[in-house]
Amino acid sequence: MKLGIIGLGKLGLPLAVLLSKHFKVYGVDVSKQRIQQIMSRERFFEPGINEYLEKYGDNLTVSTSYNILRYCRIVFIVRQTLSLPDGKFD
């Protein structure tokens, strides 16, 4: 089954890499910089992200184009999560 994730930020990227363990996942983000970071396997601060990208990154396709979602059976839309001034969540 093919799954889609719209929004690859602090919540969307962990969801995408977790699901990529078992499914083919297509992720979309409006930020070209974020897509480039994921594609180049930059180091992320969220726990487990780097390990999952290393193990299951072949099951994750990312883009700024929504066209990659056309064959996805389910698409999750992840909105920006507001955080406290120190970056933590309430």
PDB file of N, CA and C in Angstrom:
ATOM      1  N   MET A   1       0.838  -1.175   0.000  1.00  0.00           N
ATOM      2  CA  MET A   1       0.000   0.000   0.000  1.00  0.00           C
ATOM      3  C   MET A   1       0.883   1.239   0.000  1.00  0.00           C
ATOM      4  N   LYS A   2       0.474   2.240  -0.738  1.00  0.00           N
ATOM      5  CA  LYS A   2       1.210   3.498  -0.824  1.00  0.00           C
ATOM      6  C   LYS A   2       0.521   4.534   0.051  1.00  0.00           C
ATOM      7  N   LEU A   3       1.316   5.187   0.907  1.00  0.00           N
ATOM      8  CA  LEU A   3       0.800   6.209   1.811  1.00  0.00           C
ATOM      9  C   LEU A   3       1.440   7.547   1.492  1.00  0.00           C
ATOM     10  N   GLY A   4       0.713   8.626   1.742  1.00  0.00           N
ATOM     11  CA  GLY A   4       1.232   9.965   1.525  1.00  0.00           C
ATOM     12  C   GLY A   4       1.238  10.767   2.808  1.00  0.00           C
ATOM     13  N   ILE A   5       2.217  11.645   2.933  1.00  0.00           N
ATOM     14  CA  ILE A   5       2.319  12.569   4.064  1.00  0.00           C
ATOM     15  C   ILE A   5       2.519  13.954   3.483  1.00  0.00           C
ATOM     16  N   ILE A   6       1.658  14.887   3.843  1.00  0.00           N
ATOM     17  CA  ILE A   6       1.836  16.279   3.459  1.00  0.00           C
ATOM     18  C   ILE A   6       2.316  17.019   4.693  1.00  0.00           C
ATOM     19  N   GLY A   7       3.506  17.588   4.612  1.00  0.00           N
ATOM     20  CA  GLY A   7       4.119  18.288   5.737  1.00  0.00           C
ATOM     21  C   GLY A   7       5.178  17.410   6.384  1.00  0.00           C
ATOM     22  N   LEU A   8       6.441  17.728   6.165  1.00  0.00           N
ATOM     23  CA  LEU A   8       7.544  16.896   6.653  1.00  0.00           C
ATOM     24  C   LEU A   8       8.376  17.630   7.704  1.00  0.00           C
ATOM     25  N   GLY A   9       7.698  18.234   8.644  1.00  0.00           N
ATOM     26  CA  GLY A   9       8.374  18.956   9.718  1.00  0.00           C
ATOM     27  C   GLY A   9       8.630  18.063  10.920  1.00  0.00           C
ATOM     28  N   LYS A  10       8.551  18.645  12.114  1.00  0.00           N
ATOM     29  CA  LYS A  10       8.868  17.930  13.358  1.00  0.00           C
ATOM     30  C   LYS A  10       7.942  16.756  13.635  1.00  0.00           C
ATOM     31  N   LEU A  11       6.745  16.789  13.103  1.00  0.00           N
ATOM     32  CA  LEU A  11       5.799  15.689  13.290  1.00  0.00           C
ATOM     33  C   LEU A  11       5.660  14.841  12.023  1.00  0.00           C
ATOM     34  N   GLY A  12       5.610  15.472  10.881  1.00  0.00           N
ATOM     35  CA  GLY A  12       5.390  14.751   9.628  1.00  0.00           C
ATOM     36  C   GLY A  12       6.544  13.842   9.226  1.00  0.00           C
ATOM     37  N   LEU A  13       7.777  14.310   9.392  1.00  0.00           N
ATOM     38  CA  LEU A  13       8.926  13.476   9.018  1.00  0.00           C
ATOM     39  C   LEU A  13       9.024  12.231   9.896  1.00  0.00           C
ATOM     40  N   PRO A  14       8.898  12.339  11.234  1.00  0.00           N
ATOM     41  CA  PRO A  14       8.906  11.107  12.035  1.00  0.00           C
ATOM     42  C   PRO A  14       7.793  10.134  11.644  1.00  0.00           C
ATOM     43  N   LEU A  15       6.608  10.658  11.345  1.00  0.00           N
ATOM     44  CA  LEU A  15       5.519   9.793  10.905  1.00  0.00           C
ATOM     45  C   LEU A  15       5.878   9.107   9.591  1.00  0.00           C
ATOM     46  N   ALA A  16       6.441   9.854   8.671  1.00  0.00           N
ATOM     47  CA  ALA A  16       6.808   9.297   7.362  1.00  0.00           C
ATOM     48  C   ALA A  16       7.856   8.201   7.484  1.00  0.00           C
ATOM     49  N   VAL A  17       8.903   8.425   8.273  1.00  0.00           N
ATOM     50  CA  VAL A  17       9.950   7.401   8.373  1.00  0.00           C
ATOM     51  C   VAL A  17       9.479   6.188   9.159  1.00  0.00           C
ATOM     52  N   LEU A  18       8.603   6.406  10.130  1.00  0.00           N
ATOM     53  CA  LEU A  18       8.050   5.268  10.874  1.00  0.00           C
ATOM     54  C   LEU A  18       7.194   4.396   9.955  1.00  0.00           C
ATOM     55  N   LEU A  19       6.334   5.030   9.175  1.00  0.00           N
ATOM     56  CA  LEU A  19       5.493   4.274   8.250  1.00  0.00           C
ATOM     57  C   LEU A  19       6.295   3.621   7.133  1.00  0.00           C
ATOM     58  N   SER A  20       7.442   4.218   6.780  1.00  0.00           N
ATOM     59  CA  SER A  20       8.255   3.653   5.700  1.00  0.00           C
ATOM     60  C   SER A  20       8.892   2.318   6.083  1.00  0.00           C
ATOM     61  N   LYS A  21       8.814   1.968   7.347  1.00  0.00           N
ATOM     62  CA  LYS A  21       9.292   0.649   7.770  1.00  0.00           C
ATOM     63  C   LYS A  21       8.425  -0.454   7.157  1.00  0.00           C
ATOM     64  N   HIS A  22       7.131  -0.155   6.962  1.00  0.00           N
ATOM     65  CA  HIS A  22       6.192  -1.173   6.494  1.00  0.00           C
ATOM     66  C   HIS A  22       5.514  -0.855   5.165  1.00  0.00           C
ATOM     67  N   PHE A  23       5.598   0.412   4.721  1.00  0.00           N
ATOM     68  CA  PHE A  23       4.873   0.832   3.525  1.00  0.00           C
ATOM     69  C   PHE A  23       5.765   1.678   2.625  1.00  0.00           C
ATOM     70  N   LYS A  24       5.347   1.819   1.385  1.00  0.00           N
ATOM     71  CA  LYS A  24       5.960   2.785   0.470  1.00  0.00           C
ATOM     72  C   LYS A  24       5.308   4.127   0.787  1.00  0.00           C
ATOM     73  N   VAL A  25       6.126   5.130   1.170  1.00  0.00           N
ATOM     74  CA  VAL A  25       5.603   6.417   1.626  1.00  0.00           C
ATOM     75  C   VAL A  25       6.089   7.521   0.689  1.00  0.00           C
ATOM     76  N   TYR A  26       5.164   8.421   0.370  1.00  0.00           N
ATOM     77  CA  TYR A  26       5.456   9.582  -0.464  1.00  0.00           C
ATOM     78  C   TYR A  26       5.202  10.821   0.382  1.00  0.00           C
ATOM     79  N   GLY A  27       6.240  11.638   0.578  1.00  0.00           N
ATOM     80  CA  GLY A  27       6.120  12.826   1.404  1.00  0.00           C
ATOM     81  C   GLY A  27       6.253  14.096   0.588  1.00  0.00           C
ATOM     82  N   VAL A  28       5.433  15.088   0.925  1.00  0.00           N
ATOM     83  CA  VAL A  28       5.451  16.373   0.238  1.00  0.00           C
ATOM     84  C   VAL A  28       5.628  17.478   1.274  1.00  0.00           C
ATOM     85  N   ASP A  29       6.481  18.439   0.945  1.00  0.00           N
ATOM     86  CA  ASP A  29       6.653  19.620   1.774  1.00  0.00           C
ATOM     87  C   ASP A  29       6.858  20.815   0.849  1.00  0.00           C
ATOM     88  N   VAL A  30       6.407  21.985   1.279  1.00  0.00           N
ATOM     89  CA  VAL A  30       6.559  23.185   0.447  1.00  0.00           C
ATOM     90  C   VAL A  30       7.989  23.721   0.475  1.00  0.00           C
ATOM     91  N   SER A  31       8.763  23.292   1.466  1.00  0.00           N
ATOM     92  CA  SER A  31      10.130  23.780   1.614  1.00  0.00           C
ATOM     93  C   SER A  31      11.109  22.943   0.777  1.00  0.00           C
ATOM     94  N   LYS A  32      11.684  23.567  -0.243  1.00  0.00           N
ATOM     95  CA  LYS A  32      12.704  22.879  -1.045  1.00  0.00           C
ATOM     96  C   LYS A  32      13.908  22.520  -0.184  1.00  0.00           C
ATOM     97  N   GLN A  33      14.216  23.384   0.778  1.00  0.00           N
ATOM     98  CA  GLN A  33      15.343  23.132   1.677  1.00  0.00           C
ATOM     99  C   GLN A  33      15.101  21.875   2.514  1.00  0.00           C
ATOM    100  N   ARG A  34      13.877  21.708   3.019  1.00  0.00           N
ATOM    101  CA  ARG A  34      13.553  20.526   3.827  1.00  0.00           C
ATOM    102  C   ARG A  34      13.659  19.259   2.979  1.00  0.00           C
ATOM    103  N   ILE A  35      13.156  19.311   1.758  1.00  0.00           N
ATOM    104  CA  ILE A  35      13.243  18.156   0.869  1.00  0.00           C
ATOM    105  C   ILE A  35      14.706  17.811   0.607  1.00  0.00           C
ATOM    106  N   GLN A  36      15.530  18.818   0.373  1.00  0.00           N
ATOM    107  CA  GLN A  36      16.955  18.591   0.122  1.00  0.00           C
ATOM    108  C   GLN A  36      17.639  17.982   1.345  1.00  0.00           C
ATOM    109  N   GLN A  37      17.269  18.448   2.538  1.00  0.00           N
ATOM    110  CA  GLN A  37      17.843  17.897   3.773  1.00  0.00           C
ATOM    111  C   GLN A  37      17.524  16.408   3.898  1.00  0.00           C
ATOM    112  N   ILE A  38      16.296  16.054   3.600  1.00  0.00           N
ATOM    113  CA  ILE A  38      15.885  14.651   3.702  1.00  0.00           C
ATOM    114  C   ILE A  38      16.591  13.813   2.644  1.00  0.00           C
ATOM    115  N   MET A  39      16.641  14.311   1.427  1.00  0.00           N
ATOM    116  CA  MET A  39      17.259  13.560   0.331  1.00  0.00           C
ATOM    117  C   MET A  39      18.756  13.367   0.546  1.00  0.00           C
ATOM    118  N   SER A  40      19.416  14.352   1.151  1.00  0.00           N
ATOM    119  CA  SER A  40      20.857  14.243   1.378  1.00  0.00           C
ATOM    120  C   SER A  40      21.174  13.571   2.717  1.00  0.00           C
ATOM    121  N   ARG A  41      20.116  13.135   3.408  1.00  0.00           N
ATOM    122  CA  ARG A  41      20.270  12.415   4.687  1.00  0.00           C
ATOM    123  C   ARG A  41      21.033  13.238   5.721  1.00  0.00           C
ATOM    124  N   GLU A  42      20.690  14.529   5.796  1.00  0.00           N
ATOM    125  CA  GLU A  42      21.281  15.357   6.849  1.00  0.00           C
ATOM    126  C   GLU A  42      20.908  14.781   8.202  1.00  0.00           C
ATOM    127  N   ARG A  43      21.669  15.131   9.219  1.00  0.00           N
ATOM    128  CA  ARG A  43      21.398  14.649  10.573  1.00  0.00           C
ATOM    129  C   ARG A  43      20.250  15.458  11.167  1.00  0.00           C
ATOM    130  N   PHE A  44      19.259  14.766  11.719  1.00  0.00           N
ATOM    131  CA  PHE A  44      18.116  15.404  12.345  1.00  0.00           C
ATOM    132  C   PHE A  44      18.181  15.192  13.852  1.00  0.00           C
ATOM    133  N   PHE A  45      17.580  16.104  14.615  1.00  0.00           N
ATOM    134  CA  PHE A  45      17.634  16.061  16.071  1.00  0.00           C
ATOM    135  C   PHE A  45      16.584  15.139  16.677  1.00  0.00           C
ATOM    136  N   GLU A  46      15.496  14.888  15.977  1.00  0.00           N
ATOM    137  CA  GLU A  46      14.441  14.048  16.511  1.00  0.00           C
ATOM    138  C   GLU A  46      14.974  12.627  16.713  1.00  0.00           C
ATOM    139  N   PRO A  47      14.713  12.033  17.882  1.00  0.00           N
ATOM    140  CA  PRO A  47      15.236  10.699  18.176  1.00  0.00           C
ATOM    141  C   PRO A  47      14.777   9.655  17.155  1.00  0.00           C
ATOM    142  N   GLY A  48      15.715   8.852  16.673  1.00  0.00           N
ATOM    143  CA  GLY A  48      15.416   7.739  15.786  1.00  0.00           C
ATOM    144  C   GLY A  48      15.281   8.077  14.319  1.00  0.00           C
ATOM    145  N   ILE A  49      15.148   9.355  13.973  1.00  0.00           N
ATOM    146  CA  ILE A  49      14.933   9.735  12.576  1.00  0.00           C
ATOM    147  C   ILE A  49      16.089   9.283  11.690  1.00  0.00           C
ATOM    148  N   ASN A  50      17.293   9.561  12.117  1.00  0.00           N
ATOM    149  CA  ASN A  50      18.468   9.240  11.298  1.00  0.00           C
ATOM    150  C   ASN A  50      18.605   7.736  11.074  1.00  0.00           C
ATOM    151  N   GLU A  51      18.354   6.961  12.116  1.00  0.00           N
ATOM    152  CA  GLU A  51      18.456   5.510  11.990  1.00  0.00           C
ATOM    153  C   GLU A  51      17.378   4.961  11.044  1.00  0.00           C
ATOM    154  N   TYR A  52      16.165   5.481  11.178  1.00  0.00           N
ATOM    155  CA  TYR A  52      15.086   5.025  10.305  1.00  0.00           C
ATOM    156  C   TYR A  52      15.332   5.430   8.860  1.00  0.00           C
ATOM    157  N   LEU A  53      15.823   6.647   8.650  1.00  0.00           N
ATOM    158  CA  LEU A  53      16.143   7.067   7.284  1.00  0.00           C
ATOM    159  C   LEU A  53      17.210   6.169   6.671  1.00  0.00           C
ATOM    160  N   GLU A  54      18.171   5.793   7.484  1.00  0.00           N
ATOM    161  CA  GLU A  54      19.241   4.916   6.996  1.00  0.00           C
ATOM    162  C   GLU A  54      18.700   3.533   6.640  1.00  0.00           C
ATOM    163  N   LYS A  55      17.842   2.979   7.496  1.00  0.00           N
ATOM    164  CA  LYS A  55      17.319   1.633   7.286  1.00  0.00           C
ATOM    165  C   LYS A  55      16.209   1.568   6.234  1.00  0.00           C
ATOM    166  N   TYR A  56      15.288   2.533   6.283  1.00  0.00           N
ATOM    167  CA  TYR A  56      14.071   2.430   5.476  1.00  0.00           C
ATOM    168  C   TYR A  56      13.901   3.571   4.472  1.00  0.00           C
ATOM    169  N   GLY A  57      14.926   4.392   4.309  1.00  0.00           N
ATOM    170  CA  GLY A  57      14.845   5.545   3.414  1.00  0.00           C
ATOM    171  C   GLY A  57      14.521   5.201   1.974  1.00  0.00           C
ATOM    172  N   ASP A  58      14.826   3.976   1.559  1.00  0.00           N
ATOM    173  CA  ASP A  58      14.501   3.569   0.188  1.00  0.00           C
ATOM    174  C   ASP A  58      12.988   3.456  -0.029  1.00  0.00           C
ATOM    175  N   ASN A  59      12.226   3.343   1.044  1.00  0.00           N
ATOM    176  CA  ASN A  59      10.763   3.284   0.957  1.00  0.00           C
ATOM    177  C   ASN A  59      10.120   4.660   1.058  1.00  0.00           C
ATOM    178  N   LEU A  60      10.930   5.704   1.145  1.00  0.00           N
ATOM    179  CA  LEU A  60      10.423   7.067   1.299  1.00  0.00           C
ATOM    180  C   LEU A  60      10.841   7.916   0.102  1.00  0.00           C
ATOM    181  N   THR A  61       9.856   8.435  -0.604  1.00  0.00           N
ATOM    182  CA  THR A  61      10.093   9.344  -1.721  1.00  0.00           C
ATOM    183  C   THR A  61       9.555  10.705  -1.310  1.00  0.00           C
ATOM    184  N   VAL A  62      10.377  11.765  -1.460  1.00  0.00           N
ATOM    185  CA  VAL A  62       9.950  13.103  -1.043  1.00  0.00           C
ATOM    186  C   VAL A  62      10.029  14.072  -2.215  1.00  0.00           C
ATOM    187  N   SER A  63       9.167  15.096  -2.155  1.00  0.00           N
ATOM    188  CA  SER A  63       9.097  16.064  -3.236  1.00  0.00           C
ATOM    189  C   SER A  63       8.354  17.310  -2.767  1.00  0.00           C
ATOM    190  N   THR A  64       8.463  18.368  -3.560  1.00  0.00           N
ATOM    191  CA  THR A  64       7.628  19.551  -3.338  1.00  0.00           C
ATOM    192  C   THR A  64       6.374  19.478  -4.208  1.00  0.00           C
ATOM    193  N   SER A  65       6.267  18.473  -5.030  1.00  0.00           N
ATOM    194  CA  SER A  65       5.139  18.326  -5.953  1.00  0.00           C
ATOM    195  C   SER A  65       4.085  17.368  -5.387  1.00  0.00           C
ATOM    196  N   TYR A  66       2.854  17.830  -5.361  1.00  0.00           N
ATOM    197  CA  TYR A  66       1.749  17.001  -4.884  1.00  0.00           C
ATOM    198  C   TYR A  66       1.408  15.885  -5.852  1.00  0.00           C
ATOM    199  N   ASN A  67       1.939  15.930  -7.060  1.00  0.00           N
ATOM    200  CA  ASN A  67       1.657  14.893  -8.057  1.00  0.00           C
ATOM    201  C   ASN A  67       2.087  13.508  -7.599  1.00  0.00           C
ATOM    202  N   ILE A  68       3.096  13.423  -6.727  1.00  0.00           N
ATOM    203  CA  ILE A  68       3.555  12.103  -6.297  1.00  0.00           C
ATOM    204  C   ILE A  68       2.527  11.390  -5.416  1.00  0.00           C
ATOM    205  N   LEU A  69       1.506  12.119  -4.967  1.00  0.00           N
ATOM    206  CA  LEU A  69       0.495  11.536  -4.085  1.00  0.00           C
ATOM    207  C   LEU A  69      -0.660  10.886  -4.837  1.00  0.00           C
ATOM    208  N   ARG A  70      -0.676  11.006  -6.145  1.00  0.00           N
ATOM    209  CA  ARG A  70      -1.852  10.595  -6.918  1.00  0.00           C
ATOM    210  C   ARG A  70      -2.198   9.116  -6.786  1.00  0.00           C
ATOM    211  N   TYR A  71      -1.246   8.247  -6.500  1.00  0.00           N
ATOM    212  CA  TYR A  71      -1.540   6.823  -6.381  1.00  0.00           C
ATOM    213  C   TYR A  71      -1.555   6.339  -4.934  1.00  0.00           C
ATOM    214  N   CYS A  72      -1.514   7.273  -3.993  1.00  0.00           N
ATOM    215  CA  CYS A  72      -1.543   6.902  -2.581  1.00  0.00           C
ATOM    216  C   CYS A  72      -2.960   6.552  -2.157  1.00  0.00           C
ATOM    217  N   ARG A  73      -3.061   5.516  -1.397  1.00  0.00           N
ATOM    218  CA  ARG A  73      -4.372   5.076  -0.918  1.00  0.00           C
ATOM    219  C   ARG A  73      -4.853   5.945   0.240  1.00  0.00           C
ATOM    220  N   ILE A  74      -3.924   6.355   1.091  1.00  0.00           N
ATOM    221  CA  ILE A  74      -4.222   7.207   2.242  1.00  0.00           C
ATOM    222  C   ILE A  74      -3.210   8.339   2.258  1.00  0.00           C
ATOM    223  N   VAL A  75      -3.678   9.567   2.521  1.00  0.00           N
ATOM    224  CA  VAL A  75      -2.789  10.720   2.629  1.00  0.00           C
ATOM    225  C   VAL A  75      -3.055  11.417   3.955  1.00  0.00           C
ATOM    226  N   PHE A  76      -1.998  11.579   4.745  1.00  0.00           N
ATOM    227  CA  PHE A  76      -2.076  12.288   6.018  1.00  0.00           C
ATOM    228  C   PHE A  76      -1.642  13.734   5.793  1.00  0.00           C
ATOM    229  N   ILE A  77      -2.385  14.666   6.355  1.00  0.00           N
ATOM    230  CA  ILE A  77      -2.015  16.080   6.294  1.00  0.00           C
ATOM    231  C   ILE A  77      -1.566  16.485   7.686  1.00  0.00           C
ATOM    232  N   VAL A  78      -0.304  16.887   7.798  1.00  0.00           N
ATOM    233  CA  VAL A  78       0.264  17.244   9.095  1.00  0.00           C
ATOM    234  C   VAL A  78       0.491  18.749   9.115  1.00  0.00           C
ATOM    235  N   ARG A  79      -0.211  19.414  10.008  1.00  0.00           N
ATOM    236  CA  ARG A  79      -0.120  20.870  10.109  1.00  0.00           C
ATOM    237  C   ARG A  79       0.989  21.268  11.059  1.00  0.00           C
ATOM    238  N   GLN A  80       1.435  22.494  10.923  1.00  0.00           N
ATOM    239  CA  GLN A  80       2.472  23.032  11.793  1.00  0.00           C
ATOM    240  C   GLN A  80       1.999  22.978  13.241  1.00  0.00           C
ATOM    241  N   THR A  81       2.869  22.485  14.121  1.00  0.00           N
ATOM    242  CA  THR A  81       2.579  22.399  15.543  1.00  0.00           C
ATOM    243  C   THR A  81       3.276  23.553  16.239  1.00  0.00           C
ATOM    244  N   LEU A  82       2.503  24.373  16.907  1.00  0.00           N
ATOM    245  CA  LEU A  82       3.087  25.502  17.620  1.00  0.00           C
ATOM    246  C   LEU A  82       3.883  25.009  18.815  1.00  0.00           C
ATOM    247  N   SER A  83       4.959  25.689  19.123  1.00  0.00           N
ATOM    248  CA  SER A  83       5.799  25.300  20.244  1.00  0.00           C
ATOM    249  C   SER A  83       6.031  26.489  21.165  1.00  0.00           C
ATOM    250  N   LEU A  84       6.585  26.188  22.322  1.00  0.00           N
ATOM    251  CA  LEU A  84       6.939  27.220  23.286  1.00  0.00           C
ATOM    252  C   LEU A  84       8.155  27.992  22.774  1.00  0.00           C
ATOM    253  N   PRO A  85       8.466  29.160  23.360  1.00  0.00           N
ATOM    254  CA  PRO A  85       9.605  29.949  22.896  1.00  0.00           C
ATOM    255  C   PRO A  85      10.932  29.181  22.897  1.00  0.00           C
ATOM    256  N   ASP A  86      11.079  28.193  23.793  1.00  0.00           N
ATOM    257  CA  ASP A  86      12.322  27.411  23.841  1.00  0.00           C
ATOM    258  C   ASP A  86      12.338  26.244  22.867  1.00  0.00           C
ATOM    259  N   GLY A  87      11.254  26.104  22.064  1.00  0.00           N
ATOM    260  CA  GLY A  87      11.187  25.041  21.063  1.00  0.00           C
ATOM    261  C   GLY A  87      10.510  23.779  21.535  1.00  0.00           C
ATOM    262  N   LYS A  88      10.215  23.670  22.833  1.00  0.00           N
ATOM    263  CA  LYS A  88       9.543  22.491  23.364  1.00  0.00           C
ATOM    264  C   LYS A  88       8.033  22.616  23.148  1.00  0.00           C
ATOM    265  N   PHE A  89       7.359  21.486  23.266  1.00  0.00           N
ATOM    266  CA  PHE A  89       5.917  21.476  23.081  1.00  0.00           C
ATOM    267  C   PHE A  89       5.212  21.446  24.422  1.00  0.00           C
ATOM    268  N   ASP A  90       4.045  22.091  24.472  1.00  0.00           N
ATOM    269  CA  ASP A  90       3.260  22.145  25.701  1.00  0.00           C
ATOM    270  C   ASP A  90       2.303  20.970  25.723  1.00  0.00           C
TER     271      ASP A  90
END
